[in-house]
Amino acid sequence: MVPATLTCPPGWTPHYTGHLASERYAHYGGEYVCLDGSPEDDSSGVRNDEGLLFYYVVTVCGSLPCPPYINDKVVTCVVCSK
């Protein structure tokens, strides 16, 4: 997974692009994942209310240099393989 871009390094194959997400900042210890930008709907109607909630990672100027980053924007990502 490569954060903050939608392209893979040379020689790598992209599998999907999406948005960087993690647990809520107050839940400490979570990991970052790349959520698919085109998720499929669960048409079976099954519902699960017990699980991890994901929150998009957004940019904050000061923690990141602005420019090139723009404050309060959702961070993109791409999942690649070699």
N, C-alpha and C. Protein backbone atom coordinates (compact mmCIF):
# COMPACT_ATOMS: atom_id res chain seq x y z
N MET A 1 0.85 -1.17 0.00
CA MET A 1 0.00 0.00 0.00
C MET A 1 0.89 1.23 0.00
N VAL A 2 0.59 2.15 -0.89
CA VAL A 2 1.36 3.39 -1.00
C VAL A 2 0.42 4.55 -0.71
N PRO A 3 0.64 5.27 0.40
CA PRO A 3 -0.24 6.39 0.73
C PRO A 3 0.10 7.65 -0.04
N ALA A 4 -0.87 8.54 -0.13
CA ALA A 4 -0.72 9.89 -0.71
C ALA A 4 -0.42 9.89 -2.20
N THR A 5 -0.83 8.85 -2.91
CA THR A 5 -0.67 8.80 -4.35
C THR A 5 -1.72 7.87 -4.95
N LEU A 6 -1.90 7.94 -6.24
CA LEU A 6 -2.79 7.02 -6.95
C LEU A 6 -2.04 6.18 -7.98
N THR A 7 -0.70 6.26 -7.95
CA THR A 7 0.11 5.52 -8.90
C THR A 7 1.14 4.66 -8.16
N CYS A 8 1.45 3.52 -8.76
CA CYS A 8 2.44 2.60 -8.20
C CYS A 8 3.84 2.99 -8.67
N PRO A 9 4.86 2.57 -7.92
CA PRO A 9 6.23 2.79 -8.38
C PRO A 9 6.48 2.03 -9.69
N PRO A 10 7.45 2.47 -10.47
CA PRO A 10 7.77 1.77 -11.72
C PRO A 10 8.03 0.28 -11.47
N GLY A 11 7.45 -0.57 -12.33
CA GLY A 11 7.64 -2.01 -12.22
C GLY A 11 6.64 -2.69 -11.30
N TRP A 12 5.76 -1.94 -10.67
CA TRP A 12 4.74 -2.50 -9.78
C TRP A 12 3.38 -2.46 -10.47
N THR A 13 2.48 -3.38 -10.10
CA THR A 13 1.15 -3.47 -10.69
C THR A 13 0.10 -2.93 -9.73
N PRO A 14 -0.72 -1.97 -10.16
CA PRO A 14 -1.79 -1.48 -9.28
C PRO A 14 -2.96 -2.46 -9.22
N HIS A 15 -3.54 -2.63 -8.03
CA HIS A 15 -4.72 -3.49 -7.86
C HIS A 15 -5.97 -2.65 -7.65
N TYR A 16 -5.86 -1.62 -6.85
CA TYR A 16 -6.97 -0.68 -6.71
C TYR A 16 -6.48 0.60 -6.04
N THR A 17 -7.25 1.66 -6.25
CA THR A 17 -6.97 2.93 -5.59
C THR A 17 -8.11 3.21 -4.62
N GLY A 18 -7.84 4.08 -3.66
CA GLY A 18 -8.87 4.39 -2.68
C GLY A 18 -8.46 5.51 -1.77
N HIS A 19 -8.91 5.41 -0.52
CA HIS A 19 -8.65 6.45 0.48
C HIS A 19 -8.03 5.83 1.72
N LEU A 20 -7.04 6.50 2.28
CA LEU A 20 -6.38 6.04 3.48
C LEU A 20 -7.32 6.20 4.67
N ALA A 21 -7.42 5.16 5.50
CA ALA A 21 -8.32 5.18 6.65
C ALA A 21 -7.68 4.47 7.83
N SER A 22 -8.21 4.76 9.01
CA SER A 22 -7.74 4.13 10.24
C SER A 22 -8.83 4.25 11.29
N GLU A 23 -8.51 3.77 12.50
CA GLU A 23 -9.42 3.97 13.62
C GLU A 23 -9.44 5.45 13.99
N ARG A 24 -10.39 5.84 14.80
CA ARG A 24 -10.47 7.21 15.28
C ARG A 24 -9.20 7.54 16.04
N TYR A 25 -8.73 8.77 15.91
CA TYR A 25 -7.46 9.18 16.51
C TYR A 25 -7.39 8.94 18.01
N ALA A 26 -8.51 8.93 18.69
CA ALA A 26 -8.52 8.72 20.14
C ALA A 26 -8.47 7.24 20.52
N HIS A 27 -8.50 6.33 19.53
CA HIS A 27 -8.51 4.90 19.80
C HIS A 27 -7.12 4.29 19.77
N TYR A 28 -6.10 5.05 19.64
CA TYR A 28 -4.68 4.65 19.66
C TYR A 28 -4.41 3.20 19.27
N GLY A 29 -3.38 3.02 18.51
CA GLY A 29 -2.90 1.69 18.19
C GLY A 29 -3.45 1.09 16.92
N GLY A 30 -4.25 1.81 16.18
CA GLY A 30 -4.80 1.28 14.94
C GLY A 30 -3.76 1.29 13.83
N GLU A 31 -4.07 0.60 12.77
CA GLU A 31 -3.18 0.62 11.61
C GLU A 31 -3.89 1.33 10.47
N TYR A 32 -3.11 1.74 9.49
CA TYR A 32 -3.65 2.42 8.32
C TYR A 32 -3.95 1.39 7.24
N VAL A 33 -5.08 1.54 6.57
CA VAL A 33 -5.47 0.67 5.47
C VAL A 33 -5.93 1.52 4.30
N CYS A 34 -5.86 0.94 3.12
CA CYS A 34 -6.35 1.61 1.92
C CYS A 34 -7.73 1.02 1.60
N LEU A 35 -8.78 1.82 1.84
CA LEU A 35 -10.14 1.38 1.53
C LEU A 35 -10.40 1.57 0.04
N ASP A 36 -10.94 0.55 -0.58
CA ASP A 36 -11.23 0.60 -2.02
C ASP A 36 -12.11 1.80 -2.34
N GLY A 37 -11.74 2.55 -3.37
CA GLY A 37 -12.49 3.72 -3.79
C GLY A 37 -13.79 3.37 -4.50
N SER A 38 -13.94 2.10 -4.91
CA SER A 38 -15.17 1.63 -5.57
C SER A 38 -15.66 0.35 -4.89
N PRO A 39 -16.11 0.46 -3.65
CA PRO A 39 -16.54 -0.76 -2.94
C PRO A 39 -17.81 -1.36 -3.54
N GLU A 40 -17.96 -2.65 -3.35
CA GLU A 40 -19.16 -3.34 -3.82
C GLU A 40 -20.18 -3.39 -2.69
N ASP A 41 -21.44 -3.31 -3.05
CA ASP A 41 -22.53 -3.35 -2.11
C ASP A 41 -22.81 -4.80 -1.70
N ASP A 42 -23.14 -5.00 -0.43
CA ASP A 42 -23.55 -6.32 0.04
C ASP A 42 -25.06 -6.44 -0.19
N SER A 43 -25.43 -7.04 -1.29
CA SER A 43 -26.84 -7.11 -1.67
C SER A 43 -27.61 -8.18 -0.90
N SER A 44 -26.94 -8.97 -0.05
CA SER A 44 -27.62 -10.04 0.69
C SER A 44 -28.47 -9.50 1.83
N GLY A 45 -28.23 -8.25 2.22
CA GLY A 45 -29.00 -7.65 3.30
C GLY A 45 -28.49 -8.01 4.68
N VAL A 46 -27.35 -8.74 4.75
CA VAL A 46 -26.78 -9.09 6.04
C VAL A 46 -26.24 -7.83 6.70
N ARG A 47 -26.45 -7.72 8.01
CA ARG A 47 -26.02 -6.53 8.73
C ARG A 47 -25.13 -6.94 9.90
N ASN A 48 -24.05 -6.20 10.10
CA ASN A 48 -23.14 -6.46 11.21
C ASN A 48 -22.86 -5.13 11.89
N ASP A 49 -23.35 -4.97 13.10
CA ASP A 49 -23.15 -3.73 13.84
C ASP A 49 -21.98 -3.80 14.82
N GLU A 50 -21.28 -4.92 14.82
CA GLU A 50 -20.17 -5.09 15.74
C GLU A 50 -18.87 -5.14 14.97
N GLY A 51 -18.15 -4.07 14.98
CA GLY A 51 -16.90 -4.08 14.26
C GLY A 51 -16.20 -2.75 14.36
N LEU A 52 -15.09 -2.68 13.71
CA LEU A 52 -14.26 -1.50 13.70
C LEU A 52 -14.86 -0.43 12.79
N LEU A 53 -14.86 0.79 13.25
CA LEU A 53 -15.28 1.90 12.41
C LEU A 53 -14.05 2.54 11.81
N PHE A 54 -14.08 2.78 10.52
CA PHE A 54 -12.97 3.42 9.83
C PHE A 54 -13.25 4.90 9.64
N TYR A 55 -12.21 5.70 9.73
CA TYR A 55 -12.30 7.14 9.50
C TYR A 55 -11.25 7.50 8.46
N TYR A 56 -11.62 8.36 7.51
CA TYR A 56 -10.65 8.81 6.52
C TYR A 56 -9.54 9.60 7.20
N VAL A 57 -8.34 9.46 6.68
CA VAL A 57 -7.20 10.25 7.14
C VAL A 57 -7.20 11.55 6.34
N VAL A 58 -7.13 12.68 7.02
CA VAL A 58 -7.12 13.97 6.34
C VAL A 58 -5.82 14.70 6.65
N THR A 59 -5.43 15.56 5.74
CA THR A 59 -4.19 16.32 5.89
C THR A 59 -4.39 17.47 6.88
N VAL A 60 -3.29 17.81 7.57
CA VAL A 60 -3.28 18.95 8.49
C VAL A 60 -1.99 19.72 8.24
N CYS A 61 -2.13 20.96 7.78
CA CYS A 61 -0.95 21.80 7.56
C CYS A 61 -0.26 22.03 8.90
N GLY A 62 1.04 21.99 8.88
CA GLY A 62 1.83 22.08 10.10
C GLY A 62 2.44 20.72 10.39
N SER A 63 1.59 19.68 10.39
CA SER A 63 2.11 18.31 10.47
C SER A 63 2.69 17.91 9.12
N LEU A 64 2.11 18.44 8.07
CA LEU A 64 2.58 18.23 6.70
C LEU A 64 2.91 19.58 6.08
N PRO A 65 3.85 19.62 5.15
CA PRO A 65 4.16 20.88 4.50
C PRO A 65 3.07 21.27 3.50
N CYS A 66 2.57 22.48 3.65
CA CYS A 66 1.54 22.99 2.74
C CYS A 66 2.05 24.28 2.10
N PRO A 67 2.20 24.35 0.78
CA PRO A 67 2.11 23.25 -0.16
C PRO A 67 3.29 22.28 -0.01
N PRO A 68 3.29 21.12 -0.60
CA PRO A 68 2.40 20.66 -1.67
C PRO A 68 1.06 20.13 -1.19
N TYR A 69 0.93 19.80 0.09
CA TYR A 69 -0.35 19.30 0.58
C TYR A 69 -1.33 20.45 0.77
N ILE A 70 -2.62 20.10 0.78
CA ILE A 70 -3.69 21.07 0.99
C ILE A 70 -4.40 20.69 2.28
N ASN A 71 -4.61 21.65 3.15
CA ASN A 71 -5.21 21.38 4.45
C ASN A 71 -6.60 20.76 4.32
N ASP A 72 -6.89 19.78 5.18
CA ASP A 72 -8.20 19.16 5.33
C ASP A 72 -8.68 18.41 4.08
N LYS A 73 -7.78 17.71 3.42
CA LYS A 73 -8.13 16.88 2.26
C LYS A 73 -7.94 15.41 2.62
N VAL A 74 -8.82 14.56 2.14
CA VAL A 74 -8.70 13.12 2.37
C VAL A 74 -7.48 12.59 1.60
N VAL A 75 -6.68 11.75 2.28
CA VAL A 75 -5.46 11.21 1.68
C VAL A 75 -5.82 10.00 0.81
N THR A 76 -5.32 9.99 -0.41
CA THR A 76 -5.54 8.86 -1.33
C THR A 76 -4.49 7.79 -1.09
N CYS A 77 -4.68 6.64 -1.74
CA CYS A 77 -3.72 5.54 -1.64
C CYS A 77 -3.92 4.60 -2.83
N VAL A 78 -2.92 3.73 -3.02
CA VAL A 78 -3.00 2.72 -4.05
C VAL A 78 -2.40 1.43 -3.48
N VAL A 79 -2.99 0.30 -3.85
CA VAL A 79 -2.47 -1.01 -3.44
C VAL A 79 -1.78 -1.62 -4.66
N CYS A 80 -0.51 -1.99 -4.48
CA CYS A 80 0.34 -2.46 -5.58
C CYS A 80 0.97 -3.81 -5.23
N SER A 81 1.41 -4.52 -6.26
CA SER A 81 2.20 -5.75 -6.05
C SER A 81 3.29 -5.79 -7.11
N LYS A 82 4.29 -6.58 -6.82
CA LYS A 82 5.40 -6.71 -7.77
C LYS A 82 5.50 -8.13 -8.25
